[in-house]
Every structure is written in C-alpha cells, then in structure tokens.
N, C-alpha and C. Protein backbone atom coordinates (compact mmCIF):
# COMPACT_ATOMS: atom_id res chain seq x y z
N MET A 1 20.31 59.27 -52.10
CA MET A 1 19.35 58.26 -51.72
C MET A 1 18.48 57.92 -52.92
N PRO A 2 18.27 56.62 -53.17
CA PRO A 2 17.47 56.23 -54.33
C PRO A 2 16.04 56.75 -54.18
N SER A 3 15.46 57.12 -55.33
CA SER A 3 14.11 57.69 -55.31
C SER A 3 13.03 56.63 -55.31
N SER A 4 13.35 55.43 -55.76
CA SER A 4 12.32 54.39 -55.76
C SER A 4 12.92 53.06 -55.35
N THR A 5 12.06 52.18 -55.03
CA THR A 5 12.47 50.83 -54.65
C THR A 5 13.14 50.14 -55.82
N LEU A 6 12.64 50.37 -57.00
CA LEU A 6 13.22 49.77 -58.19
C LEU A 6 14.65 50.25 -58.41
N GLU A 7 14.86 51.54 -58.21
CA GLU A 7 16.20 52.10 -58.37
C GLU A 7 17.14 51.52 -57.33
N MET A 8 16.67 51.31 -56.12
CA MET A 8 17.48 50.74 -55.06
C MET A 8 17.84 49.29 -55.41
N ILE A 9 16.92 48.54 -55.89
CA ILE A 9 17.16 47.14 -56.27
C ILE A 9 18.18 47.08 -57.39
N LEU A 10 18.07 47.98 -58.37
CA LEU A 10 19.00 47.99 -59.49
C LEU A 10 20.42 48.32 -59.02
N LYS A 11 20.56 49.28 -58.11
CA LYS A 11 21.89 49.64 -57.60
C LYS A 11 22.50 48.47 -56.81
N VAL A 12 21.71 47.84 -55.97
CA VAL A 12 22.20 46.71 -55.18
C VAL A 12 22.60 45.57 -56.11
N THR A 13 21.77 45.32 -57.11
CA THR A 13 22.06 44.25 -58.07
C THR A 13 23.33 44.56 -58.84
N ASP A 14 23.51 45.83 -59.23
CA ASP A 14 24.70 46.23 -59.97
C ASP A 14 25.96 46.04 -59.13
N LYS A 15 25.88 46.48 -57.87
CA LYS A 15 27.04 46.30 -56.98
C LYS A 15 27.32 44.81 -56.74
N ALA A 16 26.28 44.05 -56.50
CA ALA A 16 26.44 42.61 -56.27
C ALA A 16 27.02 41.94 -57.50
N SER A 17 26.57 42.37 -58.68
CA SER A 17 27.07 41.80 -59.92
C SER A 17 28.56 42.04 -60.07
N GLY A 18 29.01 43.25 -59.74
CA GLY A 18 30.44 43.57 -59.81
C GLY A 18 31.25 42.69 -58.86
N GLU A 19 30.73 42.53 -57.65
CA GLU A 19 31.43 41.70 -56.67
C GLU A 19 31.46 40.24 -57.11
N LEU A 20 30.36 39.76 -57.67
CA LEU A 20 30.31 38.37 -58.15
C LEU A 20 31.29 38.15 -59.30
N LYS A 21 31.47 39.15 -60.16
CA LYS A 21 32.42 39.04 -61.25
C LYS A 21 33.85 38.95 -60.71
N LYS A 22 34.14 39.71 -59.64
CA LYS A 22 35.47 39.63 -59.02
C LYS A 22 35.70 38.23 -58.45
N ILE A 23 34.68 37.72 -57.79
CA ILE A 23 34.79 36.37 -57.21
C ILE A 23 34.97 35.35 -58.32
N ASP A 24 34.22 35.50 -59.40
CA ASP A 24 34.33 34.56 -60.52
C ASP A 24 35.74 34.60 -61.11
N GLY A 25 36.29 35.80 -61.25
CA GLY A 25 37.67 35.93 -61.74
C GLY A 25 38.65 35.23 -60.81
N GLY A 26 38.43 35.37 -59.52
CA GLY A 26 39.29 34.69 -58.55
C GLY A 26 39.15 33.18 -58.63
N LEU A 27 37.93 32.73 -58.88
CA LEU A 27 37.71 31.29 -59.01
C LEU A 27 38.38 30.75 -60.27
N ASP A 28 38.41 31.55 -61.34
CA ASP A 28 39.12 31.13 -62.55
C ASP A 28 40.60 30.95 -62.26
N GLY A 29 41.16 31.89 -61.49
CA GLY A 29 42.57 31.78 -61.10
C GLY A 29 42.81 30.54 -60.25
N LEU A 30 41.87 30.28 -59.33
CA LEU A 30 41.98 29.10 -58.49
C LEU A 30 41.90 27.84 -59.34
N LYS A 31 40.99 27.85 -60.30
CA LYS A 31 40.83 26.70 -61.20
C LYS A 31 42.13 26.46 -61.98
N THR A 32 42.72 27.52 -62.51
CA THR A 32 43.98 27.41 -63.25
C THR A 32 45.08 26.89 -62.34
N GLY A 33 45.13 27.41 -61.13
CA GLY A 33 46.13 26.95 -60.17
C GLY A 33 45.98 25.47 -59.84
N LEU A 34 44.74 25.05 -59.64
CA LEU A 34 44.49 23.64 -59.34
C LEU A 34 44.84 22.75 -60.52
N GLN A 35 44.58 23.23 -61.73
CA GLN A 35 44.96 22.46 -62.92
C GLN A 35 46.48 22.31 -62.99
N SER A 36 47.20 23.37 -62.65
CA SER A 36 48.67 23.31 -62.65
C SER A 36 49.15 22.30 -61.61
N VAL A 37 48.52 22.31 -60.45
CA VAL A 37 48.87 21.35 -59.41
C VAL A 37 48.59 19.93 -59.90
N GLY A 38 47.48 19.75 -60.59
CA GLY A 38 47.15 18.43 -61.13
C GLY A 38 48.19 17.94 -62.12
N VAL A 39 48.66 18.84 -62.98
CA VAL A 39 49.71 18.48 -63.94
C VAL A 39 50.99 18.11 -63.22
N ALA A 40 51.33 18.89 -62.20
CA ALA A 40 52.55 18.60 -61.42
C ALA A 40 52.43 17.26 -60.71
N MET A 41 51.26 16.98 -60.16
CA MET A 41 51.06 15.70 -59.47
C MET A 41 51.15 14.54 -60.46
N ALA A 42 50.64 14.73 -61.65
CA ALA A 42 50.73 13.68 -62.68
C ALA A 42 52.20 13.43 -63.03
N ALA A 43 52.97 14.50 -63.14
CA ALA A 43 54.40 14.36 -63.44
C ALA A 43 55.12 13.62 -62.32
N VAL A 44 54.78 13.95 -61.07
CA VAL A 44 55.37 13.26 -59.92
C VAL A 44 54.99 11.79 -59.94
N SER A 45 53.76 11.51 -60.29
CA SER A 45 53.29 10.12 -60.36
C SER A 45 54.05 9.34 -61.42
N VAL A 46 54.25 9.94 -62.58
CA VAL A 46 55.00 9.28 -63.65
C VAL A 46 56.45 9.04 -63.22
N ALA A 47 57.06 10.03 -62.59
CA ALA A 47 58.44 9.89 -62.13
C ALA A 47 58.55 8.79 -61.07
N THR A 48 57.58 8.74 -60.18
CA THR A 48 57.59 7.70 -59.15
C THR A 48 57.45 6.32 -59.78
N GLY A 49 56.56 6.22 -60.76
CA GLY A 49 56.39 4.95 -61.47
C GLY A 49 57.68 4.52 -62.16
N ALA A 50 58.38 5.47 -62.76
CA ALA A 50 59.64 5.15 -63.43
C ALA A 50 60.69 4.70 -62.41
N ALA A 51 60.71 5.35 -61.26
CA ALA A 51 61.67 4.96 -60.21
C ALA A 51 61.39 3.55 -59.70
N VAL A 52 60.13 3.23 -59.52
CA VAL A 52 59.75 1.89 -59.05
C VAL A 52 60.12 0.85 -60.11
N ALA A 53 59.87 1.15 -61.37
CA ALA A 53 60.21 0.22 -62.45
C ALA A 53 61.72 0.00 -62.51
N THR A 54 62.49 1.07 -62.34
CA THR A 54 63.95 0.95 -62.33
C THR A 54 64.39 0.10 -61.16
N TRP A 55 63.81 0.35 -60.00
CA TRP A 55 64.13 -0.43 -58.80
C TRP A 55 63.89 -1.91 -59.06
N LYS A 56 62.72 -2.23 -59.61
CA LYS A 56 62.38 -3.63 -59.83
C LYS A 56 63.28 -4.29 -60.86
N SER A 57 63.70 -3.54 -61.87
CA SER A 57 64.49 -4.16 -62.94
C SER A 57 65.99 -4.15 -62.67
N VAL A 58 66.48 -3.25 -61.83
CA VAL A 58 67.92 -3.13 -61.62
C VAL A 58 68.32 -3.46 -60.18
N VAL A 59 67.75 -2.78 -59.25
CA VAL A 59 68.21 -2.90 -57.87
C VAL A 59 67.73 -4.20 -57.22
N GLN A 60 66.48 -4.56 -57.40
CA GLN A 60 65.94 -5.75 -56.74
C GLN A 60 66.68 -7.04 -57.13
N PRO A 61 67.03 -7.25 -58.41
CA PRO A 61 67.79 -8.45 -58.73
C PRO A 61 69.16 -8.51 -58.03
N VAL A 62 69.80 -7.36 -57.85
CA VAL A 62 71.08 -7.33 -57.14
C VAL A 62 70.88 -7.71 -55.69
N ILE A 63 69.82 -7.18 -55.08
CA ILE A 63 69.52 -7.53 -53.69
C ILE A 63 69.23 -9.02 -53.57
N ASP A 64 68.44 -9.55 -54.50
CA ASP A 64 68.12 -10.99 -54.47
C ASP A 64 69.37 -11.85 -54.61
N TYR A 65 70.26 -11.47 -55.55
CA TYR A 65 71.51 -12.20 -55.75
C TYR A 65 72.36 -12.17 -54.48
N ASN A 66 72.49 -11.00 -53.87
CA ASN A 66 73.29 -10.87 -52.65
C ASN A 66 72.72 -11.71 -51.52
N LYS A 67 71.39 -11.76 -51.44
CA LYS A 67 70.76 -12.59 -50.40
C LYS A 67 71.05 -14.07 -50.65
N GLU A 68 70.98 -14.49 -51.91
CA GLU A 68 71.29 -15.89 -52.24
C GLU A 68 72.74 -16.22 -51.88
N ILE A 69 73.66 -15.32 -52.18
CA ILE A 69 75.08 -15.53 -51.84
C ILE A 69 75.24 -15.63 -50.33
N LEU A 70 74.57 -14.72 -49.60
CA LEU A 70 74.66 -14.75 -48.14
C LEU A 70 74.10 -16.05 -47.58
N ASP A 71 72.93 -16.47 -48.05
CA ASP A 71 72.33 -17.73 -47.58
C ASP A 71 73.22 -18.93 -47.91
N ALA A 72 73.77 -18.94 -49.13
CA ALA A 72 74.63 -20.06 -49.54
C ALA A 72 75.92 -20.08 -48.73
N SER A 73 76.47 -18.90 -48.46
CA SER A 73 77.72 -18.86 -47.68
C SER A 73 77.48 -19.34 -46.25
N ARG A 74 76.34 -19.03 -45.72
CA ARG A 74 76.02 -19.52 -44.36
C ARG A 74 75.85 -21.03 -44.37
N ALA A 75 75.18 -21.55 -45.40
CA ALA A 75 74.92 -22.99 -45.48
C ALA A 75 76.21 -23.78 -45.67
N THR A 76 77.19 -23.19 -46.33
CA THR A 76 78.44 -23.90 -46.61
C THR A 76 79.58 -23.49 -45.69
N ARG A 77 79.31 -22.55 -44.79
CA ARG A 77 80.31 -22.02 -43.86
C ARG A 77 81.49 -21.37 -44.59
N MET A 78 81.18 -20.71 -45.69
CA MET A 78 82.20 -20.01 -46.47
C MET A 78 81.99 -18.51 -46.31
N THR A 79 83.03 -17.75 -46.68
CA THR A 79 82.84 -16.31 -46.70
C THR A 79 82.00 -15.95 -47.92
N THR A 80 81.34 -14.82 -47.84
CA THR A 80 80.53 -14.40 -48.99
C THR A 80 81.42 -14.11 -50.20
N THR A 81 82.62 -13.65 -49.96
CA THR A 81 83.55 -13.38 -51.08
C THR A 81 83.91 -14.67 -51.80
N ASP A 82 84.28 -15.71 -51.03
CA ASP A 82 84.61 -16.99 -51.65
C ASP A 82 83.40 -17.59 -52.36
N MET A 83 82.25 -17.50 -51.72
CA MET A 83 81.04 -18.07 -52.33
C MET A 83 80.72 -17.35 -53.63
N SER A 84 80.85 -16.06 -53.63
CA SER A 84 80.57 -15.28 -54.83
C SER A 84 81.54 -15.65 -55.96
N ARG A 85 82.82 -15.80 -55.62
CA ARG A 85 83.81 -16.18 -56.64
C ARG A 85 83.50 -17.55 -57.23
N ILE A 86 83.20 -18.50 -56.37
CA ILE A 86 82.92 -19.86 -56.84
C ILE A 86 81.67 -19.87 -57.71
N VAL A 87 80.65 -19.15 -57.29
CA VAL A 87 79.40 -19.09 -58.08
C VAL A 87 79.67 -18.45 -59.43
N GLN A 88 80.49 -17.40 -59.47
CA GLN A 88 80.80 -16.75 -60.75
C GLN A 88 81.55 -17.68 -61.69
N VAL A 89 82.53 -18.43 -61.15
CA VAL A 89 83.27 -19.38 -61.98
C VAL A 89 82.33 -20.49 -62.46
N ALA A 90 81.51 -20.99 -61.55
CA ALA A 90 80.56 -22.05 -61.94
C ALA A 90 79.60 -21.55 -63.01
N ASP A 91 79.16 -20.31 -62.88
CA ASP A 91 78.26 -19.73 -63.87
C ASP A 91 78.93 -19.64 -65.24
N ASP A 92 80.23 -19.37 -65.25
CA ASP A 92 80.97 -19.33 -66.52
C ASP A 92 80.93 -20.69 -67.22
N PHE A 93 80.83 -21.76 -66.44
CA PHE A 93 80.76 -23.11 -67.00
C PHE A 93 79.32 -23.62 -67.13
N GLY A 94 78.35 -22.74 -66.86
CA GLY A 94 76.95 -23.11 -67.02
C GLY A 94 76.37 -23.89 -65.86
N ILE A 95 77.01 -23.84 -64.71
CA ILE A 95 76.52 -24.55 -63.53
C ILE A 95 75.72 -23.58 -62.68
N GLU A 96 74.51 -23.97 -62.32
CA GLU A 96 73.63 -23.08 -61.57
C GLU A 96 74.08 -22.96 -60.11
N MET A 97 73.71 -21.85 -59.52
CA MET A 97 74.09 -21.56 -58.14
C MET A 97 73.56 -22.61 -57.17
N GLY A 98 72.33 -23.07 -57.38
CA GLY A 98 71.76 -24.08 -56.50
C GLY A 98 72.57 -25.37 -56.51
N THR A 99 73.06 -25.76 -57.66
CA THR A 99 73.88 -26.97 -57.78
C THR A 99 75.19 -26.79 -57.03
N VAL A 100 75.81 -25.63 -57.18
CA VAL A 100 77.07 -25.34 -56.48
C VAL A 100 76.84 -25.37 -54.97
N THR A 101 75.77 -24.73 -54.54
CA THR A 101 75.48 -24.67 -53.10
C THR A 101 75.27 -26.08 -52.54
N ARG A 102 74.48 -26.90 -53.22
CA ARG A 102 74.25 -28.27 -52.73
C ARG A 102 75.55 -29.07 -52.68
N ALA A 103 76.41 -28.93 -53.69
CA ALA A 103 77.68 -29.66 -53.70
C ALA A 103 78.57 -29.21 -52.55
N LEU A 104 78.62 -27.90 -52.31
CA LEU A 104 79.46 -27.40 -51.23
C LEU A 104 78.90 -27.75 -49.85
N GLU A 105 77.57 -27.79 -49.73
CA GLU A 105 76.97 -28.24 -48.46
C GLU A 105 77.35 -29.69 -48.18
N LEU A 106 77.28 -30.52 -49.21
CA LEU A 106 77.65 -31.93 -49.06
C LEU A 106 79.13 -32.06 -48.70
N ALA A 107 79.96 -31.28 -49.35
CA ALA A 107 81.39 -31.31 -49.04
C ALA A 107 81.64 -30.91 -47.59
N THR A 108 80.93 -29.89 -47.13
CA THR A 108 81.08 -29.43 -45.74
C THR A 108 80.66 -30.52 -44.77
N LYS A 109 79.55 -31.20 -45.08
CA LYS A 109 79.07 -32.28 -44.20
C LYS A 109 80.07 -33.44 -44.14
N ASN A 110 80.83 -33.62 -45.23
CA ASN A 110 81.80 -34.72 -45.28
C ASN A 110 83.19 -34.29 -44.81
N GLY A 111 83.30 -33.13 -44.17
CA GLY A 111 84.56 -32.72 -43.57
C GLY A 111 85.47 -31.88 -44.46
N PHE A 112 85.05 -31.55 -45.65
CA PHE A 112 85.86 -30.72 -46.55
C PHE A 112 85.49 -29.27 -46.28
N ALA A 113 86.47 -28.44 -46.04
CA ALA A 113 86.24 -27.02 -45.78
C ALA A 113 86.37 -26.26 -47.09
N PRO A 114 85.26 -25.98 -47.76
CA PRO A 114 85.35 -25.35 -49.07
C PRO A 114 85.79 -23.89 -48.99
N SER A 115 86.70 -23.55 -49.88
CA SER A 115 87.16 -22.18 -50.08
C SER A 115 87.76 -22.15 -51.48
N VAL A 116 88.06 -20.98 -51.96
CA VAL A 116 88.66 -20.89 -53.29
C VAL A 116 89.98 -21.66 -53.31
N GLU A 117 90.79 -21.48 -52.27
CA GLU A 117 92.09 -22.14 -52.21
C GLU A 117 91.96 -23.66 -52.10
N SER A 118 91.06 -24.14 -51.23
CA SER A 118 90.94 -25.58 -51.05
C SER A 118 90.36 -26.25 -52.29
N ILE A 119 89.49 -25.57 -53.00
CA ILE A 119 88.95 -26.13 -54.25
C ILE A 119 90.04 -26.14 -55.32
N ALA A 120 90.89 -25.12 -55.35
CA ALA A 120 92.01 -25.09 -56.30
C ALA A 120 92.98 -26.23 -56.02
N GLN A 121 93.26 -26.46 -54.73
CA GLN A 121 94.15 -27.57 -54.36
C GLN A 121 93.54 -28.91 -54.74
N LEU A 122 92.23 -29.05 -54.52
CA LEU A 122 91.53 -30.28 -54.89
C LEU A 122 91.59 -30.50 -56.40
N ALA A 123 91.45 -29.41 -57.16
CA ALA A 123 91.53 -29.52 -58.62
C ALA A 123 92.93 -29.95 -59.05
N ASP A 124 93.96 -29.40 -58.39
CA ASP A 124 95.33 -29.79 -58.72
C ASP A 124 95.56 -31.27 -58.43
N LYS A 125 95.04 -31.76 -57.31
CA LYS A 125 95.18 -33.18 -56.97
C LYS A 125 94.45 -34.04 -58.00
N ALA A 126 93.26 -33.63 -58.36
CA ALA A 126 92.48 -34.40 -59.34
C ALA A 126 93.20 -34.43 -60.69
N ARG A 127 93.81 -33.32 -61.06
CA ARG A 127 94.53 -33.24 -62.33
C ARG A 127 95.76 -34.14 -62.30
N SER A 128 96.41 -34.25 -61.15
CA SER A 128 97.62 -35.09 -61.06
C SER A 128 97.27 -36.57 -61.10
N LEU A 129 96.05 -36.93 -60.80
CA LEU A 129 95.64 -38.34 -60.85
C LEU A 129 95.40 -38.82 -62.26
N THR A 130 95.16 -37.92 -63.17
CA THR A 130 94.86 -38.35 -64.53
C THR A 130 96.09 -38.36 -65.41
C-alpha cells in the first residue's frame, strides 16, 4: 500500500502512462493500416479510370457502329449482315454510311429490294448498258 498520496498518484500515473503507450502503439498500427488501404483504394481508382478510358476509346465506338448498322438495316429492310457489307464497300470508296443509308431507303421506297446480290445484279446491268 502506498505510504503517501503523492506516491499513489505517481503509481497510477505510471500505470496509466504504460497503458497509453500501448494504445498509442496500436493507433500507429491502425494509422499504417489505413494508409495501406488508402494506397490500395488509389490503385483501384486508377485501374477503374483506365478501364473506363479503354471502354470509351475501344468498346463504345463498336457499340455505336453496331447500333448505326442495326438502325440502317431496319430503315432499308435489309439484314444487318448485308447492310454491314454494303457500308464497308462504300467506305472503301469514301462514301459515308449516312449517304448509303439514304440511297437504300430511297431504293426501298421505289420498290427495289436492296441486298448484296440485288446491288451486284444492278451493277452488272449498268455495266452492260455502257
């Protein structure tokens, strides 16, 4: 038993100091752990940003192109395969997809059923006239 009040205060303070040091050490570990989590979250954020950038530059244009082909094939009553082939050939000659679509829509309205085969036959007929 402590002999004086001062001695008792010193012992309590000493014990409390030891416990506080243990807590402080634990808090340092927690701080280090949280910093590690922060670094990991930053890495995840960078990876997510890279994935979004890749999506926008690679995948989204393909989706947009496919949607345009689908819309054009519906407007011209053609299959998407035929429409895609015709657009690719037209692109080789520098003709834009919108121009091809409008021409095929007009042909459809005038009773011509556009397809790769029917356009090839039309080209053969046109060639024989010259």
